[in-house]
Amino acid sequence: MAFQGAALLNSLTTLENVALPIMEHWGVEEGTALMLAKLRLASVDLAGAGPKYPSELSGGMRKRAGIARAIALDPSLLLLDEPTSGLDPVTARAIDELILEFKARGDMGIVAVSHELGSINTIADRAVMLAGGRIIAAGSLEQVRSVDDRRVQAFFQRQLVEDEQRRSLADELEWRE
């Protein structure tokens, strides 16, 4: 799983962050784990970032480092939580391209949670939309786009949902003396 905020350990270098699950789960010696971690970092275009600490990485680099750690154990399923949120459009597209590379390999399933339309349009084959804790649309991206639900249509057209009362933050807060 690649977490939205990467969830890297600040006291470890990027290389050590990626090597940690390899040592813990495969029980290999540190040297072997570090070599495998270098390969994972190279696969996400971070070959030179191994000695850097998470605080020294840009947002996009942290996202890629989190993905490198998520693929460290060669999973059959990769879970991505908001892989492009908070990134500029160019960096977000680079992350999308990385996901597409993994997808093209065909050796792992990929599930991404995202509200970023650009990423959804680029990487998704299938989609599920939730509202109020319930599935309101599911299927191919084309099928979901064609669902006749005002919330689905508003999402894809980036519009406010009609007929919903919108209240300001001040209206939402209860002011008490």
C-alpha atoms as a PDB file:
ATOM      1  CA  MET A   1       0.000   0.000   0.000  1.00  0.00           C
ATOM      2  CA  ALA A   2       1.230   3.460  -0.907  1.00  0.00           C
ATOM      3  CA  PHE A   3      -0.264   5.933   1.544  1.00  0.00           C
ATOM      4  CA  GLN A   4      -1.395   9.432   0.558  1.00  0.00           C
ATOM      5  CA  GLY A   5       1.348  11.071   2.602  1.00  0.00           C
ATOM      6  CA  ALA A   6       3.887   8.332   1.745  1.00  0.00           C
ATOM      7  CA  ALA A   7       4.218   7.373   5.458  1.00  0.00           C
ATOM      8  CA  LEU A   8       7.999   7.217   5.264  1.00  0.00           C
ATOM      9  CA  LEU A   9       9.970   6.931   8.483  1.00  0.00           C
ATOM     10  CA  ASN A  10      11.773  10.256   8.961  1.00  0.00           C
ATOM     11  CA  SER A  11      14.705   8.706  10.831  1.00  0.00           C
ATOM     12  CA  LEU A  12      15.581   6.416   7.893  1.00  0.00           C
ATOM     13  CA  THR A  13      17.004   7.321   4.498  1.00  0.00           C
ATOM     14  CA  THR A  14      14.849   6.726   1.454  1.00  0.00           C
ATOM     15  CA  LEU A  15      16.883   3.604   0.673  1.00  0.00           C
ATOM     16  CA  GLU A  16      16.457   2.285   4.224  1.00  0.00           C
ATOM     17  CA  ASN A  17      12.699   2.979   4.084  1.00  0.00           C
ATOM     18  CA  VAL A  18      12.385   0.790   0.989  1.00  0.00           C
ATOM     19  CA  ALA A  19      14.754  -1.898   2.346  1.00  0.00           C
ATOM     20  CA  LEU A  20      12.925  -2.216   5.674  1.00  0.00           C
ATOM     21  CA  PRO A  21       9.967  -4.339   4.476  1.00  0.00           C
ATOM     22  CA  ILE A  22      12.362  -6.525   2.474  1.00  0.00           C
ATOM     23  CA  MET A  23      14.415  -7.312   5.587  1.00  0.00           C
ATOM     24  CA  GLU A  24      11.361  -7.688   7.832  1.00  0.00           C
ATOM     25  CA  HIS A  25       9.245  -9.884   5.551  1.00  0.00           C
ATOM     26  CA  TRP A  26      11.811 -11.798   3.522  1.00  0.00           C
ATOM     27  CA  GLY A  27      14.409 -12.051   6.278  1.00  0.00           C
ATOM     28  CA  VAL A  28      17.317 -11.282   3.946  1.00  0.00           C
ATOM     29  CA  GLU A  29      20.541  -9.682   5.096  1.00  0.00           C
ATOM     30  CA  GLU A  30      20.832  -5.911   5.011  1.00  0.00           C
ATOM     31  CA  GLY A  31      23.190  -5.805   2.010  1.00  0.00           C
ATOM     32  CA  THR A  32      20.802  -7.831  -0.146  1.00  0.00           C
ATOM     33  CA  ALA A  33      17.821  -5.778   1.020  1.00  0.00           C
ATOM     34  CA  LEU A  34      19.620  -2.529   0.168  1.00  0.00           C
ATOM     35  CA  MET A  35      20.506  -3.834  -3.299  1.00  0.00           C
ATOM     36  CA  LEU A  36      16.861  -4.799  -3.928  1.00  0.00           C
ATOM     37  CA  ALA A  37      15.734  -1.430  -2.554  1.00  0.00           C
ATOM     38  CA  LYS A  38      18.040   0.349  -5.030  1.00  0.00           C
ATOM     39  CA  LEU A  39      16.316  -1.562  -7.834  1.00  0.00           C
ATOM     40  CA  ARG A  40      12.877  -0.534  -6.553  1.00  0.00           C
ATOM     41  CA  LEU A  41      13.964   3.105  -6.306  1.00  0.00           C
ATOM     42  CA  ALA A  42      15.349   2.977  -9.846  1.00  0.00           C
ATOM     43  CA  SER A  43      12.020   1.584 -11.071  1.00  0.00           C
ATOM     44  CA  VAL A  44      10.271   4.744  -9.833  1.00  0.00           C
ATOM     45  CA  ASP A  45      12.948   7.124 -11.177  1.00  0.00           C
ATOM     46  CA  LEU A  46      14.575   7.738  -7.783  1.00  0.00           C
ATOM     47  CA  ALA A  47      17.915   6.009  -8.328  1.00  0.00           C
ATOM     48  CA  GLY A  48      19.868   8.906  -6.840  1.00  0.00           C
ATOM     49  CA  ALA A  49      17.571   9.591  -3.893  1.00  0.00           C
ATOM     50  CA  GLY A  50      18.571   6.628  -1.733  1.00  0.00           C
ATOM     51  CA  PRO A  51      20.802   8.525   0.713  1.00  0.00           C
ATOM     52  CA  LYS A  52      18.294  11.354   1.213  1.00  0.00           C
ATOM     53  CA  TYR A  53      15.947  11.547   4.166  1.00  0.00           C
ATOM     54  CA  PRO A  54      12.200  12.043   3.540  1.00  0.00           C
ATOM     55  CA  SER A  55      12.446  15.695   4.634  1.00  0.00           C
ATOM     56  CA  GLU A  56      14.913  16.287   1.798  1.00  0.00           C
ATOM     57  CA  LEU A  57      12.527  15.000  -0.877  1.00  0.00           C
ATOM     58  CA  SER A  58       9.964  16.974  -2.852  1.00  0.00           C
ATOM     59  CA  GLY A  59       6.301  15.967  -2.647  1.00  0.00           C
ATOM     60  CA  GLY A  60       6.476  14.012  -5.888  1.00  0.00           C
ATOM     61  CA  MET A  61       9.663  12.263  -4.804  1.00  0.00           C
ATOM     62  CA  ARG A  62       8.034  11.264  -1.491  1.00  0.00           C
ATOM     63  CA  LYS A  63       5.050   9.848  -3.396  1.00  0.00           C
ATOM     64  CA  ARG A  64       7.393   7.816  -5.636  1.00  0.00           C
ATOM     65  CA  ALA A  65       9.421   6.647  -2.616  1.00  0.00           C
ATOM     66  CA  GLY A  66       6.181   5.475  -0.988  1.00  0.00           C
ATOM     67  CA  ILE A  67       5.317   3.580  -4.165  1.00  0.00           C
ATOM     68  CA  ALA A  68       8.820   2.038  -4.232  1.00  0.00           C
ATOM     69  CA  ARG A  69       8.294   0.807  -0.682  1.00  0.00           C
ATOM     70  CA  ALA A  70       4.831  -0.500  -1.612  1.00  0.00           C
ATOM     71  CA  ILE A  71       6.292  -2.561  -4.476  1.00  0.00           C
ATOM     72  CA  ALA A  72       9.352  -3.649  -2.478  1.00  0.00           C
ATOM     73  CA  LEU A  73       7.915  -7.134  -1.912  1.00  0.00           C
ATOM     74  CA  ASP A  74       6.666  -7.650  -5.500  1.00  0.00           C
ATOM     75  CA  PRO A  75       2.986  -7.597  -4.534  1.00  0.00           C
ATOM     76  CA  SER A  76       0.257  -9.027  -6.727  1.00  0.00           C
ATOM     77  CA  LEU A  77      -1.976  -6.097  -5.694  1.00  0.00           C
ATOM     78  CA  LEU A  78      -0.887  -2.466  -5.346  1.00  0.00           C
ATOM     79  CA  LEU A  79      -3.153  -0.142  -3.352  1.00  0.00           C
ATOM     80  CA  LEU A  80      -2.676   3.598  -3.902  1.00  0.00           C
ATOM     81  CA  ASP A  81      -4.325   6.231  -1.720  1.00  0.00           C
ATOM     82  CA  GLU A  82      -4.556   9.541  -3.588  1.00  0.00           C
ATOM     83  CA  PRO A  83      -1.304   8.988  -5.518  1.00  0.00           C
ATOM     84  CA  THR A  84      -1.380  12.430  -7.176  1.00  0.00           C
ATOM     85  CA  SER A  85      -3.114  14.643  -4.610  1.00  0.00           C
ATOM     86  CA  GLY A  86      -1.232  17.777  -3.687  1.00  0.00           C
ATOM     87  CA  LEU A  87       1.078  17.584  -6.694  1.00  0.00           C
ATOM     88  CA  ASP A  88       1.495  20.043  -9.532  1.00  0.00           C
ATOM     89  CA  PRO A  89       0.036  18.863 -12.876  1.00  0.00           C
ATOM     90  CA  VAL A  90       3.398  17.881 -14.395  1.00  0.00           C
ATOM     91  CA  THR A  91       4.468  15.829 -11.383  1.00  0.00           C
ATOM     92  CA  ALA A  92       0.988  14.282 -11.131  1.00  0.00           C
ATOM     93  CA  ARG A  93       1.243  13.209 -14.782  1.00  0.00           C
ATOM     94  CA  ALA A  94       4.645  11.622 -14.070  1.00  0.00           C
ATOM     95  CA  ILE A  95       3.066   9.580 -11.251  1.00  0.00           C
ATOM     96  CA  ASP A  96       0.207   8.601 -13.594  1.00  0.00           C
ATOM     97  CA  GLU A  97       2.750   7.452 -16.186  1.00  0.00           C
ATOM     98  CA  LEU A  98       4.522   5.384 -13.539  1.00  0.00           C
ATOM     99  CA  ILE A  99       1.212   3.720 -12.631  1.00  0.00           C
ATOM    100  CA  LEU A 100       0.558   3.057 -16.327  1.00  0.00           C
ATOM    101  CA  GLU A 101       3.984   1.383 -16.595  1.00  0.00           C
ATOM    102  CA  PHE A 102       3.097  -0.955 -13.724  1.00  0.00           C
ATOM    103  CA  LYS A 103      -0.278  -1.590 -15.330  1.00  0.00           C
ATOM    104  CA  ALA A 104       1.332  -2.444 -18.690  1.00  0.00           C
ATOM    105  CA  ARG A 105       3.555  -5.061 -17.053  1.00  0.00           C
ATOM    106  CA  GLY A 106       0.393  -6.953 -16.194  1.00  0.00           C
ATOM    107  CA  ASP A 107       1.807  -8.713 -13.139  1.00  0.00           C
ATOM    108  CA  MET A 108      -0.111  -6.832 -10.442  1.00  0.00           C
ATOM    109  CA  GLY A 109      -3.588  -5.517  -9.903  1.00  0.00           C
ATOM    110  CA  ILE A 110      -3.784  -1.824  -9.097  1.00  0.00           C
ATOM    111  CA  VAL A 111      -6.480  -0.119  -7.050  1.00  0.00           C
ATOM    112  CA  ALA A 112      -6.242   3.650  -6.687  1.00  0.00           C
ATOM    113  CA  VAL A 113      -8.429   5.921  -4.595  1.00  0.00           C
ATOM    114  CA  SER A 114      -8.530   9.347  -6.209  1.00  0.00           C
ATOM    115  CA  HIS A 115     -10.665  12.424  -6.638  1.00  0.00           C
ATOM    116  CA  GLU A 116      -8.281  13.860  -9.266  1.00  0.00           C
ATOM    117  CA  LEU A 117     -10.115  13.848 -12.608  1.00  0.00           C
ATOM    118  CA  GLY A 118      -6.887  14.004 -14.603  1.00  0.00           C
ATOM    119  CA  SER A 119      -5.570  10.861 -12.954  1.00  0.00           C
ATOM    120  CA  ILE A 120      -8.895   9.064 -13.133  1.00  0.00           C
ATOM    121  CA  ASN A 121      -9.133   9.772 -16.863  1.00  0.00           C
ATOM    122  CA  THR A 122      -5.535   8.649 -17.408  1.00  0.00           C
ATOM    123  CA  ILE A 123      -5.191   5.503 -15.322  1.00  0.00           C
ATOM    124  CA  ALA A 124      -8.671   4.061 -14.724  1.00  0.00           C
ATOM    125  CA  ASP A 125     -10.189   1.162 -16.617  1.00  0.00           C
ATOM    126  CA  ARG A 126     -12.924   0.662 -14.065  1.00  0.00           C
ATOM    127  CA  ALA A 127     -14.330   2.982 -11.422  1.00  0.00           C
ATOM    128  CA  VAL A 128     -16.485   2.906  -8.322  1.00  0.00           C
ATOM    129  CA  MET A 129     -18.060   6.053  -6.941  1.00  0.00           C
ATOM    130  CA  LEU A 130     -19.190   6.323  -3.353  1.00  0.00           C
ATOM    131  CA  ALA A 131     -21.534   8.805  -1.703  1.00  0.00           C
ATOM    132  CA  GLY A 132     -22.883   8.643   1.812  1.00  0.00           C
ATOM    133  CA  GLY A 133     -21.105   5.340   2.401  1.00  0.00           C
ATOM    134  CA  ARG A 134     -22.827   3.652  -0.556  1.00  0.00           C
ATOM    135  CA  ILE A 135     -21.829   2.729  -4.079  1.00  0.00           C
ATOM    136  CA  ILE A 136     -23.661   5.022  -6.484  1.00  0.00           C
ATOM    137  CA  ALA A 137     -21.867   3.956  -9.669  1.00  0.00           C
ATOM    138  CA  ALA A 138     -19.584   1.119 -10.718  1.00  0.00           C
ATOM    139  CA  GLY A 139     -18.276  -0.311 -13.962  1.00  0.00           C
ATOM    140  CA  SER A 140     -16.019   0.737 -16.777  1.00  0.00           C
ATOM    141  CA  LEU A 141     -15.070   4.391 -16.756  1.00  0.00           C
ATOM    142  CA  GLU A 142     -17.458   4.937 -19.670  1.00  0.00           C
ATOM    143  CA  GLN A 143     -20.291   3.206 -17.819  1.00  0.00           C
ATOM    144  CA  VAL A 144     -19.729   5.247 -14.680  1.00  0.00           C
ATOM    145  CA  ARG A 145     -19.581   8.477 -16.687  1.00  0.00           C
ATOM    146  CA  SER A 146     -22.991   7.677 -18.175  1.00  0.00           C
ATOM    147  CA  VAL A 147     -24.776   6.950 -14.876  1.00  0.00           C
ATOM    148  CA  ASP A 148     -27.783   9.234 -14.577  1.00  0.00           C
ATOM    149  CA  ASP A 149     -27.121  10.392 -11.043  1.00  0.00           C
ATOM    150  CA  ARG A 150     -26.703  14.107 -10.421  1.00  0.00           C
ATOM    151  CA  ARG A 151     -23.737  13.509  -8.082  1.00  0.00           C
ATOM    152  CA  VAL A 152     -21.899  11.428 -10.677  1.00  0.00           C
ATOM    153  CA  GLN A 153     -22.565  13.947 -13.421  1.00  0.00           C
ATOM    154  CA  ALA A 154     -21.572  16.865 -11.178  1.00  0.00           C
ATOM    155  CA  PHE A 155     -18.293  15.125 -10.307  1.00  0.00           C
ATOM    156  CA  PHE A 156     -17.237  14.522 -13.905  1.00  0.00           C
ATOM    157  CA  GLN A 157     -18.357  17.990 -15.001  1.00  0.00           C
ATOM    158  CA  ARG A 158     -16.790  19.659 -11.944  1.00  0.00           C
ATOM    159  CA  GLN A 159     -20.052  21.320 -10.998  1.00  0.00           C
ATOM    160  CA  LEU A 160     -21.877  21.866  -7.759  1.00  0.00           C
ATOM    161  CA  VAL A 161     -24.635  19.361  -7.109  1.00  0.00           C
ATOM    162  CA  GLU A 162     -27.905  21.064  -7.936  1.00  0.00           C
ATOM    163  CA  ASP A 163     -30.670  21.437  -5.367  1.00  0.00           C
ATOM    164  CA  GLU A 164     -28.353  20.763  -2.466  1.00  0.00           C
ATOM    165  CA  GLN A 165     -28.437  23.363   0.204  1.00  0.00           C
ATOM    166  CA  ARG A 166     -24.960  24.697   0.746  1.00  0.00           C
ATOM    167  CA  ARG A 167     -24.243  26.336   4.027  1.00  0.00           C
ATOM    168  CA  SER A 168     -21.282  28.439   4.940  1.00  0.00           C
ATOM    169  CA  LEU A 169     -18.814  27.345   7.569  1.00  0.00           C
ATOM    170  CA  ALA A 170     -20.316  29.887   9.948  1.00  0.00           C
ATOM    171  CA  ASP A 171     -23.756  28.330   9.396  1.00  0.00           C
ATOM    172  CA  GLU A 172     -22.330  24.882  10.153  1.00  0.00           C
ATOM    173  CA  LEU A 173     -20.749  25.916  13.425  1.00  0.00           C
ATOM    174  CA  GLU A 174     -22.820  26.152  16.543  1.00  0.00           C
ATOM    175  CA  TRP A 175     -21.913  29.365  18.321  1.00  0.00           C
ATOM    176  CA  ARG A 176     -22.455  29.219  22.057  1.00  0.00           C
ATOM    177  CA  GLU A 177     -21.870  31.817  24.703  1.00  0.00           C
END
